[in-house]
Amino acid sequence: MKSVLEIQAAIGKLSRREFWKLVKWLDGKRNEVWDQEMEEDARPGGPLDKLFHEAMEDVRAGRTYPMEEVLRSRLKAPPRPRSGRRRT
């Protein structure tokens, strides 16, 4: 197998048309890998399964708020100041 540096060098030699063809293929491949990772994470006993059970326990214990209440309170709250430099 070629190293990443060799692959990068080869990509640099592609025509514009071939480059965009590769980009399209890589996008599809990335989506396939992402889907596989999500399926693995969501399997029983996987990382998302643990988070789901924690969230359900919070619901049962009354440590959650209805989404409408959260949104309503956010709309009433004053806007947060922006970070960074102030304009003068």
PDB file of N, CA and C in Angstrom:
ATOM      1  N   MET A   1       0.844  -1.186   0.000  1.00  0.00           N
ATOM      2  CA  MET A   1       0.000   0.000   0.000  1.00  0.00           C
ATOM      3  C   MET A   1       0.885   1.242   0.000  1.00  0.00           C
ATOM      4  N   LYS A   2       0.432   2.232  -0.676  1.00  0.00           N
ATOM      5  CA  LYS A   2       1.182   3.486  -0.749  1.00  0.00           C
ATOM      6  C   LYS A   2       0.973   4.289   0.530  1.00  0.00           C
ATOM      7  N   SER A   3       1.951   5.123   0.842  1.00  0.00           N
ATOM      8  CA  SER A   3       1.833   5.992   2.008  1.00  0.00           C
ATOM      9  C   SER A   3       0.912   7.166   1.680  1.00  0.00           C
ATOM     10  N   VAL A   4       0.461   7.826   2.721  1.00  0.00           N
ATOM     11  CA  VAL A   4      -0.406   8.980   2.535  1.00  0.00           C
ATOM     12  C   VAL A   4       0.327  10.049   1.713  1.00  0.00           C
ATOM     13  N   LEU A   5       1.599  10.238   1.964  1.00  0.00           N
ATOM     14  CA  LEU A   5       2.354  11.235   1.203  1.00  0.00           C
ATOM     15  C   LEU A   5       2.387  10.898  -0.286  1.00  0.00           C
ATOM     16  N   GLU A   6       2.534   9.615  -0.614  1.00  0.00           N
ATOM     17  CA  GLU A   6       2.525   9.207  -2.018  1.00  0.00           C
ATOM     18  C   GLU A   6       1.155   9.446  -2.651  1.00  0.00           C
ATOM     19  N   ILE A   7       0.122   9.156  -1.893  1.00  0.00           N
ATOM     20  CA  ILE A   7      -1.240   9.365  -2.391  1.00  0.00           C
ATOM     21  C   ILE A   7      -1.489  10.858  -2.601  1.00  0.00           C
ATOM     22  N   GLN A   8      -1.057  11.671  -1.639  1.00  0.00           N
ATOM     23  CA  GLN A   8      -1.227  13.119  -1.777  1.00  0.00           C
ATOM     24  C   GLN A   8      -0.489  13.642  -3.012  1.00  0.00           C
ATOM     25  N   ALA A   9       0.709  13.141  -3.246  1.00  0.00           N
ATOM     26  CA  ALA A   9       1.471  13.570  -4.421  1.00  0.00           C
ATOM     27  C   ALA A   9       0.742  13.179  -5.701  1.00  0.00           C
ATOM     28  N   ALA A  10       0.180  11.971  -5.728  1.00  0.00           N
ATOM     29  CA  ALA A  10      -0.559  11.519  -6.902  1.00  0.00           C
ATOM     30  C   ALA A  10      -1.804  12.372  -7.123  1.00  0.00           C
ATOM     31  N   ILE A  11      -2.478  12.755  -6.055  1.00  0.00           N
ATOM     32  CA  ILE A  11      -3.662  13.602  -6.170  1.00  0.00           C
ATOM     33  C   ILE A  11      -3.284  14.949  -6.766  1.00  0.00           C
ATOM     34  N   GLY A  12      -2.134  15.459  -6.362  1.00  0.00           N
ATOM     35  CA  GLY A  12      -1.663  16.736  -6.887  1.00  0.00           C
ATOM     36  C   GLY A  12      -1.432  16.711  -8.384  1.00  0.00           C
ATOM     37  N   LYS A  13      -1.264  15.534  -8.969  1.00  0.00           N
ATOM     38  CA  LYS A  13      -1.016  15.405 -10.411  1.00  0.00           C
ATOM     39  C   LYS A  13      -2.293  15.168 -11.224  1.00  0.00           C
ATOM     40  N   LEU A  14      -3.424  15.022 -10.542  1.00  0.00           N
ATOM     41  CA  LEU A  14      -4.681  14.753 -11.246  1.00  0.00           C
ATOM     42  C   LEU A  14      -5.154  15.980 -12.010  1.00  0.00           C
ATOM     43  N   SER A  15      -5.888  15.726 -13.086  1.00  0.00           N
ATOM     44  CA  SER A  15      -6.560  16.825 -13.779  1.00  0.00           C
ATOM     45  C   SER A  15      -7.695  17.317 -12.876  1.00  0.00           C
ATOM     46  N   ARG A  16      -8.188  18.491 -13.172  1.00  0.00           N
ATOM     47  CA  ARG A  16      -9.291  19.034 -12.374  1.00  0.00           C
ATOM     48  C   ARG A  16     -10.488  18.085 -12.389  1.00  0.00           C
ATOM     49  N   ARG A  17     -10.793  17.551 -13.561  1.00  0.00           N
ATOM     50  CA  ARG A  17     -11.936  16.631 -13.685  1.00  0.00           C
ATOM     51  C   ARG A  17     -11.729  15.386 -12.840  1.00  0.00           C
ATOM     52  N   GLU A  18     -10.535  14.799 -12.904  1.00  0.00           N
ATOM     53  CA  GLU A  18     -10.251  13.600 -12.111  1.00  0.00           C
ATOM     54  C   GLU A  18     -10.228  13.911 -10.615  1.00  0.00           C
ATOM     55  N   PHE A  19      -9.750  15.103 -10.263  1.00  0.00           N
ATOM     56  CA  PHE A  19      -9.733  15.511  -8.861  1.00  0.00           C
ATOM     57  C   PHE A  19     -11.151  15.523  -8.299  1.00  0.00           C
ATOM     58  N   TRP A  20     -12.083  16.170  -9.025  1.00  0.00           N
ATOM     59  CA  TRP A  20     -13.457  16.253  -8.533  1.00  0.00           C
ATOM     60  C   TRP A  20     -14.149  14.893  -8.537  1.00  0.00           C
ATOM     61  N   LYS A  21     -13.780  14.035  -9.445  1.00  0.00           N
ATOM     62  CA  LYS A  21     -14.297  12.662  -9.449  1.00  0.00           C
ATOM     63  C   LYS A  21     -13.847  11.945  -8.175  1.00  0.00           C
ATOM     64  N   LEU A  22     -12.587  12.154  -7.806  1.00  0.00           N
ATOM     65  CA  LEU A  22     -12.056  11.557  -6.576  1.00  0.00           C
ATOM     66  C   LEU A  22     -12.759  12.125  -5.346  1.00  0.00           C
ATOM     67  N   VAL A  23     -12.977  13.432  -5.343  1.00  0.00           N
ATOM     68  CA  VAL A  23     -13.661  14.063  -4.216  1.00  0.00           C
ATOM     69  C   VAL A  23     -15.047  13.453  -4.031  1.00  0.00           C
ATOM     70  N   LYS A  24     -15.762  13.272  -5.130  1.00  0.00           N
ATOM     71  CA  LYS A  24     -17.105  12.677  -5.058  1.00  0.00           C
ATOM     72  C   LYS A  24     -17.036  11.258  -4.487  1.00  0.00           C
ATOM     73  N   TRP A  25     -16.055  10.486  -4.934  1.00  0.00           N
ATOM     74  CA  TRP A  25     -15.898   9.123  -4.432  1.00  0.00           C
ATOM     75  C   TRP A  25     -15.558   9.137  -2.932  1.00  0.00           C
ATOM     76  N   LEU A  26     -14.652  10.032  -2.539  1.00  0.00           N
ATOM     77  CA  LEU A  26     -14.263  10.112  -1.129  1.00  0.00           C
ATOM     78  C   LEU A  26     -15.443  10.528  -0.253  1.00  0.00           C
ATOM     79  N   ASP A  27     -16.288  11.425  -0.738  1.00  0.00           N
ATOM     80  CA  ASP A  27     -17.480  11.815   0.018  1.00  0.00           C
ATOM     81  C   ASP A  27     -18.371  10.601   0.270  1.00  0.00           C
ATOM     82  N   GLY A  28     -18.582   9.799  -0.764  1.00  0.00           N
ATOM     83  CA  GLY A  28     -19.382   8.590  -0.603  1.00  0.00           C
ATOM     84  C   GLY A  28     -18.744   7.612   0.360  1.00  0.00           C
ATOM     85  N   LYS A  29     -17.431   7.454   0.264  1.00  0.00           N
ATOM     86  CA  LYS A  29     -16.716   6.539   1.149  1.00  0.00           C
ATOM     87  C   LYS A  29     -16.789   7.020   2.592  1.00  0.00           C
ATOM     88  N   ARG A  30     -16.631   8.337   2.787  1.00  0.00           N
ATOM     89  CA  ARG A  30     -16.728   8.904   4.133  1.00  0.00           C
ATOM     90  C   ARG A  30     -18.108   8.632   4.732  1.00  0.00           C
ATOM     91  N   ASN A  31     -19.150   8.792   3.922  1.00  0.00           N
ATOM     92  CA  ASN A  31     -20.508   8.533   4.406  1.00  0.00           C
ATOM     93  C   ASN A  31     -20.696   7.072   4.780  1.00  0.00           C
ATOM     94  N   GLU A  32     -20.128   6.158   3.994  1.00  0.00           N
ATOM     95  CA  GLU A  32     -20.207   4.727   4.322  1.00  0.00           C
ATOM     96  C   GLU A  32     -19.547   4.440   5.665  1.00  0.00           C
ATOM     97  N   VAL A  33     -18.350   4.994   5.856  1.00  0.00           N
ATOM     98  CA  VAL A  33     -17.613   4.766   7.104  1.00  0.00           C
ATOM     99  C   VAL A  33     -18.381   5.362   8.279  1.00  0.00           C
ATOM    100  N   TRP A  34     -18.926   6.551   8.093  1.00  0.00           N
ATOM    101  CA  TRP A  34     -19.708   7.205   9.141  1.00  0.00           C
ATOM    102  C   TRP A  34     -20.913   6.344   9.525  1.00  0.00           C
ATOM    103  N   ASP A  35     -21.628   5.835   8.526  1.00  0.00           N
ATOM    104  CA  ASP A  35     -22.779   4.983   8.798  1.00  0.00           C
ATOM    105  C   ASP A  35     -22.374   3.742   9.583  1.00  0.00           C
ATOM    106  N   GLN A  36     -21.253   3.124   9.205  1.00  0.00           N
ATOM    107  CA  GLN A  36     -20.767   1.949   9.923  1.00  0.00           C
ATOM    108  C   GLN A  36     -20.437   2.284  11.372  1.00  0.00           C
ATOM    109  N   GLU A  37     -19.780   3.423  11.585  1.00  0.00           N
ATOM    110  CA  GLU A  37     -19.438   3.835  12.942  1.00  0.00           C
ATOM    111  C   GLU A  37     -20.691   4.077  13.778  1.00  0.00           C
ATOM    112  N   MET A  38     -21.693   4.727  13.182  1.00  0.00           N
ATOM    113  CA  MET A  38     -22.939   4.985  13.907  1.00  0.00           C
ATOM    114  C   MET A  38     -23.645   3.683  14.268  1.00  0.00           C
ATOM    115  N   GLU A  39     -23.667   2.722  13.338  1.00  0.00           N
ATOM    116  CA  GLU A  39     -24.282   1.431  13.626  1.00  0.00           C
ATOM    117  C   GLU A  39     -23.562   0.728  14.769  1.00  0.00           C
ATOM    118  N   GLU A  40     -22.235   0.770  14.753  1.00  0.00           N
ATOM    119  CA  GLU A  40     -21.463   0.143  15.824  1.00  0.00           C
ATOM    120  C   GLU A  40     -21.706   0.832  17.160  1.00  0.00           C
ATOM    121  N   ASP A  41     -21.753   2.159  17.156  1.00  0.00           N
ATOM    122  CA  ASP A  41     -21.971   2.900  18.398  1.00  0.00           C
ATOM    123  C   ASP A  41     -23.374   2.685  18.958  1.00  0.00           C
ATOM    124  N   ALA A  42     -24.363   2.449  18.077  1.00  0.00           N
ATOM    125  CA  ALA A  42     -25.752   2.310  18.504  1.00  0.00           C
ATOM    126  C   ALA A  42     -26.133   0.878  18.866  1.00  0.00           C
ATOM    127  N   ARG A  43     -25.228  -0.055  18.659  1.00  0.00           N
ATOM    128  CA  ARG A  43     -25.562  -1.457  18.965  1.00  0.00           C
ATOM    129  C   ARG A  43     -25.783  -1.625  20.470  1.00  0.00           C
ATOM    130  N   PRO A  44     -26.534  -2.641  20.879  1.00  0.00           N
ATOM    131  CA  PRO A  44     -26.712  -2.886  22.309  1.00  0.00           C
ATOM    132  C   PRO A  44     -25.357  -3.023  23.004  1.00  0.00           C
ATOM    133  N   GLY A  45     -25.192  -2.270  24.061  1.00  0.00           N
ATOM    134  CA  GLY A  45     -23.930  -2.285  24.789  1.00  0.00           C
ATOM    135  C   GLY A  45     -22.910  -1.286  24.264  1.00  0.00           C
ATOM    136  N   GLY A  46     -23.221  -0.607  23.151  1.00  0.00           N
ATOM    137  CA  GLY A  46     -22.304   0.371  22.572  1.00  0.00           C
ATOM    138  C   GLY A  46     -22.374   1.704  23.300  1.00  0.00           C
ATOM    139  N   PRO A  47     -21.508   2.646  22.928  1.00  0.00           N
ATOM    140  CA  PRO A  47     -21.455   3.944  23.619  1.00  0.00           C
ATOM    141  C   PRO A  47     -22.776   4.712  23.624  1.00  0.00           C
ATOM    142  N   LEU A  48     -23.531   4.686  22.525  1.00  0.00           N
ATOM    143  CA  LEU A  48     -24.804   5.405  22.494  1.00  0.00           C
ATOM    144  C   LEU A  48     -25.855   4.718  23.348  1.00  0.00           C
ATOM    145  N   ASP A  49     -25.756   3.410  23.468  1.00  0.00           N
ATOM    146  CA  ASP A  49     -26.684   2.656  24.297  1.00  0.00           C
ATOM    147  C   ASP A  49     -26.563   3.112  25.751  1.00  0.00           C
ATOM    148  N   LYS A  50     -25.346   3.289  26.210  1.00  0.00           N
ATOM    149  CA  LYS A  50     -25.117   3.752  27.587  1.00  0.00           C
ATOM    150  C   LYS A  50     -25.715   5.147  27.775  1.00  0.00           C
ATOM    151  N   LEU A  51     -25.480   6.048  26.820  1.00  0.00           N
ATOM    152  CA  LEU A  51     -26.026   7.398  26.923  1.00  0.00           C
ATOM    153  C   LEU A  51     -27.557   7.390  26.911  1.00  0.00           C
ATOM    154  N   PHE A  52     -28.135   6.514  26.102  1.00  0.00           N
ATOM    155  CA  PHE A  52     -29.590   6.399  26.057  1.00  0.00           C
ATOM    156  C   PHE A  52     -30.133   5.999  27.418  1.00  0.00           C
ATOM    157  N   HIS A  53     -29.514   5.011  28.042  1.00  0.00           N
ATOM    158  CA  HIS A  53     -29.993   4.545  29.347  1.00  0.00           C
ATOM    159  C   HIS A  53     -29.808   5.620  30.416  1.00  0.00           C
ATOM    160  N   GLU A  54     -28.721   6.375  30.345  1.00  0.00           N
ATOM    161  CA  GLU A  54     -28.520   7.483  31.281  1.00  0.00           C
ATOM    162  C   GLU A  54     -29.600   8.545  31.102  1.00  0.00           C
ATOM    163  N   ALA A  55     -29.916   8.865  29.848  1.00  0.00           N
ATOM    164  CA  ALA A  55     -30.943   9.866  29.571  1.00  0.00           C
ATOM    165  C   ALA A  55     -32.309   9.393  30.059  1.00  0.00           C
ATOM    166  N   MET A  56     -32.622   8.122  29.851  1.00  0.00           N
ATOM    167  CA  MET A  56     -33.910   7.593  30.304  1.00  0.00           C
ATOM    168  C   MET A  56     -34.002   7.615  31.825  1.00  0.00           C
ATOM    169  N   GLU A  57     -32.902   7.361  32.494  1.00  0.00           N
ATOM    170  CA  GLU A  57     -32.893   7.433  33.964  1.00  0.00           C
ATOM    171  C   GLU A  57     -33.140   8.876  34.418  1.00  0.00           C
ATOM    172  N   ASP A  58     -32.561   9.842  33.725  1.00  0.00           N
ATOM    173  CA  ASP A  58     -32.810  11.245  34.050  1.00  0.00           C
ATOM    174  C   ASP A  58     -34.283  11.594  33.874  1.00  0.00           C
ATOM    175  N   VAL A  59     -34.908  11.080  32.816  1.00  0.00           N
ATOM    176  CA  VAL A  59     -36.335  11.319  32.591  1.00  0.00           C
ATOM    177  C   VAL A  59     -37.142  10.712  33.725  1.00  0.00           C
ATOM    178  N   ARG A  60     -36.869   9.461  34.067  1.00  0.00           N
ATOM    179  CA  ARG A  60     -37.613   8.786  35.137  1.00  0.00           C
ATOM    180  C   ARG A  60     -37.427   9.489  36.481  1.00  0.00           C
ATOM    181  N   ALA A  61     -36.244  10.049  36.717  1.00  0.00           N
ATOM    182  CA  ALA A  61     -35.948  10.696  38.000  1.00  0.00           C
ATOM    183  C   ALA A  61     -36.421  12.151  38.036  1.00  0.00           C
ATOM    184  N   GLY A  62     -36.993  12.640  36.923  1.00  0.00           N
ATOM    185  CA  GLY A  62     -37.511  13.998  36.898  1.00  0.00           C
ATOM    186  C   GLY A  62     -36.433  15.065  36.767  1.00  0.00           C
ATOM    187  N   ARG A  63     -35.292  14.696  36.229  1.00  0.00           N
ATOM    188  CA  ARG A  63     -34.195  15.662  36.069  1.00  0.00           C
ATOM    189  C   ARG A  63     -34.170  16.297  34.678  1.00  0.00           C
ATOM    190  N   THR A  64     -35.284  16.261  33.987  1.00  0.00           N
ATOM    191  CA  THR A  64     -35.361  16.844  32.646  1.00  0.00           C
ATOM    192  C   THR A  64     -36.491  17.854  32.588  1.00  0.00           C
ATOM    193  N   TYR A  65     -36.486  18.667  31.544  1.00  0.00           N
ATOM    194  CA  TYR A  65     -37.525  19.670  31.329  1.00  0.00           C
ATOM    195  C   TYR A  65     -38.102  19.465  29.939  1.00  0.00           C
ATOM    196  N   PRO A  66     -39.392  19.758  29.781  1.00  0.00           N
ATOM    197  CA  PRO A  66     -39.975  19.675  28.439  1.00  0.00           C
ATOM    198  C   PRO A  66     -39.276  20.653  27.488  1.00  0.00           C
ATOM    199  N   MET A  67     -39.083  20.251  26.258  1.00  0.00           N
ATOM    200  CA  MET A  67     -38.390  21.074  25.275  1.00  0.00           C
ATOM    201  C   MET A  67     -39.052  22.439  25.124  1.00  0.00           C
ATOM    202  N   GLU A  68     -40.390  22.480  25.163  1.00  0.00           N
ATOM    203  CA  GLU A  68     -41.094  23.745  25.019  1.00  0.00           C
ATOM    204  C   GLU A  68     -40.691  24.713  26.127  1.00  0.00           C
ATOM    205  N   GLU A  69     -40.537  24.201  27.346  1.00  0.00           N
ATOM    206  CA  GLU A  69     -40.152  25.049  28.479  1.00  0.00           C
ATOM    207  C   GLU A  69     -38.734  25.584  28.297  1.00  0.00           C
ATOM    208  N   VAL A  70     -37.843  24.748  27.834  1.00  0.00           N
ATOM    209  CA  VAL A  70     -36.462  25.176  27.612  1.00  0.00           C
ATOM    210  C   VAL A  70     -36.419  26.261  26.550  1.00  0.00           C
ATOM    211  N   LEU A  71     -37.114  26.041  25.436  1.00  0.00           N
ATOM    212  CA  LEU A  71     -37.121  27.025  24.351  1.00  0.00           C
ATOM    213  C   LEU A  71     -37.756  28.334  24.797  1.00  0.00           C
ATOM    214  N   ARG A  72     -38.854  28.242  25.537  1.00  0.00           N
ATOM    215  CA  ARG A  72     -39.534  29.440  26.010  1.00  0.00           C
ATOM    216  C   ARG A  72     -38.605  30.252  26.910  1.00  0.00           C
ATOM    217  N   SER A  73     -37.885  29.590  27.801  1.00  0.00           N
ATOM    218  CA  SER A  73     -36.986  30.312  28.705  1.00  0.00           C
ATOM    219  C   SER A  73     -35.824  30.934  27.939  1.00  0.00           C
ATOM    220  N   ARG A  74     -35.374  30.291  26.885  1.00  0.00           N
ATOM    221  CA  ARG A  74     -34.281  30.850  26.085  1.00  0.00           C
ATOM    222  C   ARG A  74     -34.737  32.087  25.328  1.00  0.00           C
ATOM    223  N   LEU A  75     -35.986  32.091  24.886  1.00  0.00           N
ATOM    224  CA  LEU A  75     -36.497  33.250  24.162  1.00  0.00           C
ATOM    225  C   LEU A  75     -36.658  34.452  25.083  1.00  0.00           C
ATOM    226  N   LYS A  76     -36.947  34.213  26.363  1.00  0.00           N
ATOM    227  CA  LYS A  76     -37.131  35.300  27.320  1.00  0.00           C
ATOM    228  C   LYS A  76     -35.803  35.813  27.861  1.00  0.00           C
ATOM    229  N   ALA A  77     -34.769  35.010  27.783  1.00  0.00           N
ATOM    230  CA  ALA A  77     -33.474  35.400  28.351  1.00  0.00           C
ATOM    231  C   ALA A  77     -32.851  36.514  27.528  1.00  0.00           C
ATOM    232  N   PRO A  78     -32.157  37.445  28.205  1.00  0.00           N
ATOM    233  CA  PRO A  78     -31.479  38.499  27.447  1.00  0.00           C
ATOM    234  C   PRO A  78     -30.363  37.908  26.602  1.00  0.00           C
ATOM    235  N   PRO A  79     -30.041  38.530  25.479  1.00  0.00           N
ATOM    236  CA  PRO A  79     -28.985  37.992  24.626  1.00  0.00           C
ATOM    237  C   PRO A  79     -27.641  38.006  25.345  1.00  0.00           C
ATOM    238  N   ARG A  80     -26.830  37.007  25.069  1.00  0.00           N
ATOM    239  CA  ARG A  80     -25.501  36.925  25.663  1.00  0.00           C
ATOM    240  C   ARG A  80     -24.565  37.900  24.969  1.00  0.00           C
ATOM    241  N   PRO A  81     -23.651  38.491  25.731  1.00  0.00           N
ATOM    242  CA  PRO A  81     -22.668  39.357  25.065  1.00  0.00           C
ATOM    243  C   PRO A  81     -21.735  38.525  24.202  1.00  0.00           C
ATOM    244  N   ARG A  82     -21.305  39.078  23.110  1.00  0.00           N
ATOM    245  CA  ARG A  82     -20.382  38.373  22.224  1.00  0.00           C
ATOM    246  C   ARG A  82     -18.990  38.423  22.812  1.00  0.00           C
ATOM    247  N   SER A  83     -18.233  37.380  22.604  1.00  0.00           N
ATOM    248  CA  SER A  83     -16.847  37.379  23.052  1.00  0.00           C
ATOM    249  C   SER A  83     -15.983  38.080  22.022  1.00  0.00           C
ATOM    250  N   GLY A  84     -14.809  38.467  22.429  1.00  0.00           N
ATOM    251  CA  GLY A  84     -13.899  39.128  21.501  1.00  0.00           C
ATOM    252  C   GLY A  84     -13.893  40.628  21.708  1.00  0.00           C
ATOM    253  N   ARG A  85     -13.314  41.310  20.737  1.00  0.00           N
ATOM    254  CA  ARG A  85     -13.167  42.760  20.846  1.00  0.00           C
ATOM    255  C   ARG A  85     -14.494  43.465  20.664  1.00  0.00           C
ATOM    256  N   ARG A  86     -14.619  44.549  21.357  1.00  0.00           N
ATOM    257  CA  ARG A  86     -15.813  45.391  21.179  1.00  0.00           C
ATOM    258  C   ARG A  86     -15.564  46.411  20.094  1.00  0.00           C
ATOM    259  N   ARG A  87     -16.598  46.719  19.376  1.00  0.00           N
ATOM    260  CA  ARG A  87     -16.489  47.766  18.361  1.00  0.00           C
ATOM    261  C   ARG A  87     -16.723  49.104  19.025  1.00  0.00           C
ATOM    262  N   THR A  88     -15.984  50.080  18.609  1.00  0.00           N
ATOM    263  CA  THR A  88     -16.168  51.426  19.168  1.00  0.00           C
ATOM    264  C   THR A  88     -16.603  52.398  18.119  1.00  0.00           C
TER     265      THR A  88
END
